[in-house]
Amino acid sequence: VTIVENVNLPENFNDCRLKKKGLVKRVQAFLAQCDTVEGNIGQEMDKLQSKNLALAE
């Protein structure tokens, strides 16, 4: 196995990695919020359906 010692990485490589990690975390947080909103919408739809059924009787 050859170990490459002189890898030339751009100076901003670590900054890019940190920014990528930050973006990934933000996207995951937004997706979690979407899941929460979707769940709330489902609950409200169930409530409305129950009310509609009660009114229909």
PDB file of N, CA and C in Angstrom:
ATOM      1  N   VAL A   1       0.857  -1.182   0.000  1.00  0.00           N
ATOM      2  CA  VAL A   1       0.000   0.000   0.000  1.00  0.00           C
ATOM      3  C   VAL A   1       0.894   1.233   0.000  1.00  0.00           C
ATOM      4  N   THR A   2       0.671   2.099  -0.947  1.00  0.00           N
ATOM      5  CA  THR A   2       1.454   3.326  -1.038  1.00  0.00           C
ATOM      6  C   THR A   2       0.697   4.454  -0.355  1.00  0.00           C
ATOM      7  N   ILE A   3       1.371   5.149   0.536  1.00  0.00           N
ATOM      8  CA  ILE A   3       0.752   6.288   1.207  1.00  0.00           C
ATOM      9  C   ILE A   3       1.173   7.549   0.467  1.00  0.00           C
ATOM     10  N   VAL A   4       0.194   8.310   0.043  1.00  0.00           N
ATOM     11  CA  VAL A   4       0.496   9.550  -0.666  1.00  0.00           C
ATOM     12  C   VAL A   4       0.672  10.639   0.379  1.00  0.00           C
ATOM     13  N   GLU A   5       1.879  11.154   0.474  1.00  0.00           N
ATOM     14  CA  GLU A   5       2.156  12.162   1.497  1.00  0.00           C
ATOM     15  C   GLU A   5       1.948  13.575   0.990  1.00  0.00           C
ATOM     16  N   ASN A   6       2.215  13.794  -0.274  1.00  0.00           N
ATOM     17  CA  ASN A   6       2.160  15.156  -0.794  1.00  0.00           C
ATOM     18  C   ASN A   6       0.890  15.385  -1.608  1.00  0.00           C
ATOM     19  N   VAL A   7      -0.234  15.246  -0.965  1.00  0.00           N
ATOM     20  CA  VAL A   7      -1.494  15.518  -1.641  1.00  0.00           C
ATOM     21  C   VAL A   7      -1.713  17.023  -1.574  1.00  0.00           C
ATOM     22  N   ASN A   8      -1.926  17.625  -2.717  1.00  0.00           N
ATOM     23  CA  ASN A   8      -2.144  19.071  -2.758  1.00  0.00           C
ATOM     24  C   ASN A   8      -3.637  19.360  -2.715  1.00  0.00           C
ATOM     25  N   LEU A   9      -4.111  19.735  -1.561  1.00  0.00           N
ATOM     26  CA  LEU A   9      -5.514  20.099  -1.405  1.00  0.00           C
ATOM     27  C   LEU A   9      -5.629  21.613  -1.510  1.00  0.00           C
ATOM     28  N   PRO A  10      -6.734  22.084  -2.034  1.00  0.00           N
ATOM     29  CA  PRO A  10      -6.916  23.539  -2.069  1.00  0.00           C
ATOM     30  C   PRO A  10      -6.893  24.104  -0.647  1.00  0.00           C
ATOM     31  N   GLU A  11      -6.486  25.348  -0.526  1.00  0.00           N
ATOM     32  CA  GLU A  11      -6.383  25.959   0.804  1.00  0.00           C
ATOM     33  C   GLU A  11      -7.726  26.002   1.521  1.00  0.00           C
ATOM     34  N   ASN A  12      -8.784  26.138   0.747  1.00  0.00           N
ATOM     35  CA  ASN A  12     -10.106  26.261   1.369  1.00  0.00           C
ATOM     36  C   ASN A  12     -10.811  24.914   1.508  1.00  0.00           C
ATOM     37  N   PHE A  13     -10.063  23.823   1.408  1.00  0.00           N
ATOM     38  CA  PHE A  13     -10.666  22.483   1.464  1.00  0.00           C
ATOM     39  C   PHE A  13     -11.431  22.266   2.765  1.00  0.00           C
ATOM     40  N   ASN A  14     -10.804  22.591   3.905  1.00  0.00           N
ATOM     41  CA  ASN A  14     -11.482  22.399   5.191  1.00  0.00           C
ATOM     42  C   ASN A  14     -12.706  23.288   5.312  1.00  0.00           C
ATOM     43  N   ASP A  15     -12.610  24.521   4.807  1.00  0.00           N
ATOM     44  CA  ASP A  15     -13.775  25.409   4.819  1.00  0.00           C
ATOM     45  C   ASP A  15     -14.918  24.790   4.031  1.00  0.00           C
ATOM     46  N   CYS A  16     -14.593  24.227   2.874  1.00  0.00           N
ATOM     47  CA  CYS A  16     -15.627  23.602   2.041  1.00  0.00           C
ATOM     48  C   CYS A  16     -16.271  22.426   2.767  1.00  0.00           C
ATOM     49  N   ARG A  17     -15.440  21.632   3.440  1.00  0.00           N
ATOM     50  CA  ARG A  17     -15.980  20.483   4.182  1.00  0.00           C
ATOM     51  C   ARG A  17     -16.906  20.951   5.294  1.00  0.00           C
ATOM     52  N   LEU A  18     -16.489  21.997   6.012  1.00  0.00           N
ATOM     53  CA  LEU A  18     -17.322  22.513   7.099  1.00  0.00           C
ATOM     54  C   LEU A  18     -18.623  23.092   6.557  1.00  0.00           C
ATOM     55  N   LYS A  19     -18.535  23.818   5.445  1.00  0.00           N
ATOM     56  CA  LYS A  19     -19.745  24.381   4.839  1.00  0.00           C
ATOM     57  C   LYS A  19     -20.681  23.265   4.403  1.00  0.00           C
ATOM     58  N   LYS A  20     -20.107  22.202   3.818  1.00  0.00           N
ATOM     59  CA  LYS A  20     -20.930  21.073   3.377  1.00  0.00           C
ATOM     60  C   LYS A  20     -21.630  20.434   4.571  1.00  0.00           C
ATOM     61  N   LYS A  21     -20.875  20.228   5.663  1.00  0.00           N
ATOM     62  CA  LYS A  21     -21.487  19.647   6.863  1.00  0.00           C
ATOM     63  C   LYS A  21     -22.605  20.539   7.376  1.00  0.00           C
ATOM     64  N   GLY A  22     -22.356  21.855   7.366  1.00  0.00           N
ATOM     65  CA  GLY A  22     -23.375  22.800   7.820  1.00  0.00           C
ATOM     66  C   GLY A  22     -24.618  22.741   6.954  1.00  0.00           C
ATOM     67  N   LEU A  23     -24.411  22.663   5.637  1.00  0.00           N
ATOM     68  CA  LEU A  23     -25.551  22.586   4.725  1.00  0.00           C
ATOM     69  C   LEU A  23     -26.329  21.296   4.926  1.00  0.00           C
ATOM     70  N   VAL A  24     -25.611  20.196   5.106  1.00  0.00           N
ATOM     71  CA  VAL A  24     -26.279  18.908   5.325  1.00  0.00           C
ATOM     72  C   VAL A  24     -27.147  18.982   6.579  1.00  0.00           C
ATOM     73  N   LYS A  25     -26.596  19.570   7.649  1.00  0.00           N
ATOM     74  CA  LYS A  25     -27.365  19.686   8.887  1.00  0.00           C
ATOM     75  C   LYS A  25     -28.592  20.567   8.698  1.00  0.00           C
ATOM     76  N   ARG A  26     -28.437  21.660   7.943  1.00  0.00           N
ATOM     77  CA  ARG A  26     -29.578  22.550   7.702  1.00  0.00           C
ATOM     78  C   ARG A  26     -30.656  21.843   6.897  1.00  0.00           C
ATOM     79  N   VAL A  27     -30.239  21.104   5.866  1.00  0.00           N
ATOM     80  CA  VAL A  27     -31.209  20.372   5.044  1.00  0.00           C
ATOM     81  C   VAL A  27     -31.929  19.331   5.894  1.00  0.00           C
ATOM     82  N   GLN A  28     -31.182  18.621   6.754  1.00  0.00           N
ATOM     83  CA  GLN A  28     -31.811  17.629   7.627  1.00  0.00           C
ATOM     84  C   GLN A  28     -32.814  18.294   8.565  1.00  0.00           C
ATOM     85  N   ALA A  29     -32.481  19.480   9.070  1.00  0.00           N
ATOM     86  CA  ALA A  29     -33.401  20.201   9.955  1.00  0.00           C
ATOM     87  C   ALA A  29     -34.660  20.609   9.193  1.00  0.00           C
ATOM     88  N   PHE A  30     -34.490  21.097   7.954  1.00  0.00           N
ATOM     89  CA  PHE A  30     -35.656  21.466   7.148  1.00  0.00           C
ATOM     90  C   PHE A  30     -36.524  20.249   6.855  1.00  0.00           C
ATOM     91  N   LEU A  31     -35.902  19.111   6.546  1.00  0.00           N
ATOM     92  CA  LEU A  31     -36.671  17.896   6.279  1.00  0.00           C
ATOM     93  C   LEU A  31     -37.440  17.456   7.519  1.00  0.00           C
ATOM     94  N   ALA A  32     -36.824  17.606   8.689  1.00  0.00           N
ATOM     95  CA  ALA A  32     -37.511  17.262   9.934  1.00  0.00           C
ATOM     96  C   ALA A  32     -38.714  18.180  10.136  1.00  0.00           C
ATOM     97  N   GLN A  33     -38.550  19.468   9.820  1.00  0.00           N
ATOM     98  CA  GLN A  33     -39.672  20.406   9.932  1.00  0.00           C
ATOM     99  C   GLN A  33     -40.783  20.012   8.969  1.00  0.00           C
ATOM    100  N   CYS A  34     -40.408  19.606   7.760  1.00  0.00           N
ATOM    101  CA  CYS A  34     -41.406  19.176   6.776  1.00  0.00           C
ATOM    102  C   CYS A  34     -42.184  17.969   7.288  1.00  0.00           C
ATOM    103  N   ASP A  35     -41.482  17.028   7.906  1.00  0.00           N
ATOM    104  CA  ASP A  35     -42.152  15.853   8.472  1.00  0.00           C
ATOM    105  C   ASP A  35     -43.147  16.274   9.541  1.00  0.00           C
ATOM    106  N   THR A  36     -42.748  17.224  10.384  1.00  0.00           N
ATOM    107  CA  THR A  36     -43.629  17.708  11.450  1.00  0.00           C
ATOM    108  C   THR A  36     -44.865  18.371  10.861  1.00  0.00           C
ATOM    109  N   VAL A  37     -44.660  19.244   9.876  1.00  0.00           N
ATOM    110  CA  VAL A  37     -45.783  19.938   9.240  1.00  0.00           C
ATOM    111  C   VAL A  37     -46.706  18.932   8.568  1.00  0.00           C
ATOM    112  N   GLU A  38     -46.115  17.957   7.891  1.00  0.00           N
ATOM    113  CA  GLU A  38     -46.915  16.932   7.220  1.00  0.00           C
ATOM    114  C   GLU A  38     -47.769  16.171   8.234  1.00  0.00           C
ATOM    115  N   GLY A  39     -47.169  15.844   9.377  1.00  0.00           N
ATOM    116  CA  GLY A  39     -47.920  15.162  10.429  1.00  0.00           C
ATOM    117  C   GLY A  39     -49.058  16.021  10.958  1.00  0.00           C
ATOM    118  N   ASN A  40     -48.792  17.314  11.156  1.00  0.00           N
ATOM    119  CA  ASN A  40     -49.832  18.227  11.646  1.00  0.00           C
ATOM    120  C   ASN A  40     -50.967  18.358  10.644  1.00  0.00           C
ATOM    121  N   ILE A  41     -50.623  18.433   9.361  1.00  0.00           N
ATOM    122  CA  ILE A  41     -51.653  18.526   8.321  1.00  0.00           C
ATOM    123  C   ILE A  41     -52.513  17.265   8.337  1.00  0.00           C
ATOM    124  N   GLY A  42     -51.869  16.116   8.478  1.00  0.00           N
ATOM    125  CA  GLY A  42     -52.618  14.858   8.541  1.00  0.00           C
ATOM    126  C   GLY A  42     -53.584  14.836   9.712  1.00  0.00           C
ATOM    127  N   GLN A  43     -53.134  15.326  10.876  1.00  0.00           N
ATOM    128  CA  GLN A  43     -54.005  15.374  12.056  1.00  0.00           C
ATOM    129  C   GLN A  43     -55.191  16.301  11.819  1.00  0.00           C
ATOM    130  N   GLU A  44     -54.932  17.471  11.229  1.00  0.00           N
ATOM    131  CA  GLU A  44     -56.018  18.421  10.964  1.00  0.00           C
ATOM    132  C   GLU A  44     -57.009  17.844   9.962  1.00  0.00           C
ATOM    133  N   MET A  45     -56.504  17.127   8.953  1.00  0.00           N
ATOM    134  CA  MET A  45     -57.400  16.508   7.971  1.00  0.00           C
ATOM    135  C   MET A  45     -58.273  15.449   8.635  1.00  0.00           C
ATOM    136  N   ASP A  46     -57.680  14.676   9.547  1.00  0.00           N
ATOM    137  CA  ASP A  46     -58.457  13.671  10.274  1.00  0.00           C
ATOM    138  C   ASP A  46     -59.556  14.333  11.096  1.00  0.00           C
ATOM    139  N   LYS A  47     -59.226  15.446  11.764  1.00  0.00           N
ATOM    140  CA  LYS A  47     -60.223  16.168  12.562  1.00  0.00           C
ATOM    141  C   LYS A  47     -61.364  16.666  11.680  1.00  0.00           C
ATOM    142  N   LEU A  48     -61.001  17.245  10.529  1.00  0.00           N
ATOM    143  CA  LEU A  48     -62.029  17.756   9.621  1.00  0.00           C
ATOM    144  C   LEU A  48     -62.912  16.626   9.106  1.00  0.00           C
ATOM    145  N   GLN A  49     -62.294  15.493   8.800  1.00  0.00           N
ATOM    146  CA  GLN A  49     -63.065  14.351   8.315  1.00  0.00           C
ATOM    147  C   GLN A  49     -64.040  13.875   9.387  1.00  0.00           C
ATOM    148  N   SER A  50     -63.574  13.839  10.637  1.00  0.00           N
ATOM    149  CA  SER A  50     -64.442  13.422  11.740  1.00  0.00           C
ATOM    150  C   SER A  50     -65.613  14.380  11.890  1.00  0.00           C
ATOM    151  N   LYS A  51     -65.333  15.684  11.792  1.00  0.00           N
ATOM    152  CA  LYS A  51     -66.407  16.680  11.902  1.00  0.00           C
ATOM    153  C   LYS A  51     -67.397  16.532  10.761  1.00  0.00           C
ATOM    154  N   ASN A  52     -66.881  16.310   9.546  1.00  0.00           N
ATOM    155  CA  ASN A  52     -67.764  16.145   8.393  1.00  0.00           C
ATOM    156  C   ASN A  52     -68.649  14.919   8.560  1.00  0.00           C
ATOM    157  N   LEU A  53     -68.082  13.827   9.072  1.00  0.00           N
ATOM    158  CA  LEU A  53     -68.882  12.621   9.289  1.00  0.00           C
ATOM    159  C   LEU A  53     -69.938  12.870  10.353  1.00  0.00           C
ATOM    160  N   ALA A  54     -69.564  13.607  11.412  1.00  0.00           N
ATOM    161  CA  ALA A  54     -70.515  13.902  12.481  1.00  0.00           C
ATOM    162  C   ALA A  54     -71.643  14.782  11.958  1.00  0.00           C
ATOM    163  N   LEU A  55     -71.318  15.736  11.090  1.00  0.00           N
ATOM    164  CA  LEU A  55     -72.344  16.618  10.528  1.00  0.00           C
ATOM    165  C   LEU A  55     -73.257  15.862   9.570  1.00  0.00           C
ATOM    166  N   ALA A  56     -72.719  14.875   8.894  1.00  0.00           N
ATOM    167  CA  ALA A  56     -73.501  14.128   7.910  1.00  0.00           C
ATOM    168  C   ALA A  56     -74.537  13.229   8.573  1.00  0.00           C
ATOM    169  N   GLU A  57     -74.296  12.883   9.839  1.00  0.00           N
ATOM    170  CA  GLU A  57     -75.226  11.950  10.506  1.00  0.00           C
ATOM    171  C   GLU A  57     -76.504  12.613  10.932  1.00  0.00           C
TER     172      GLU A  57
END
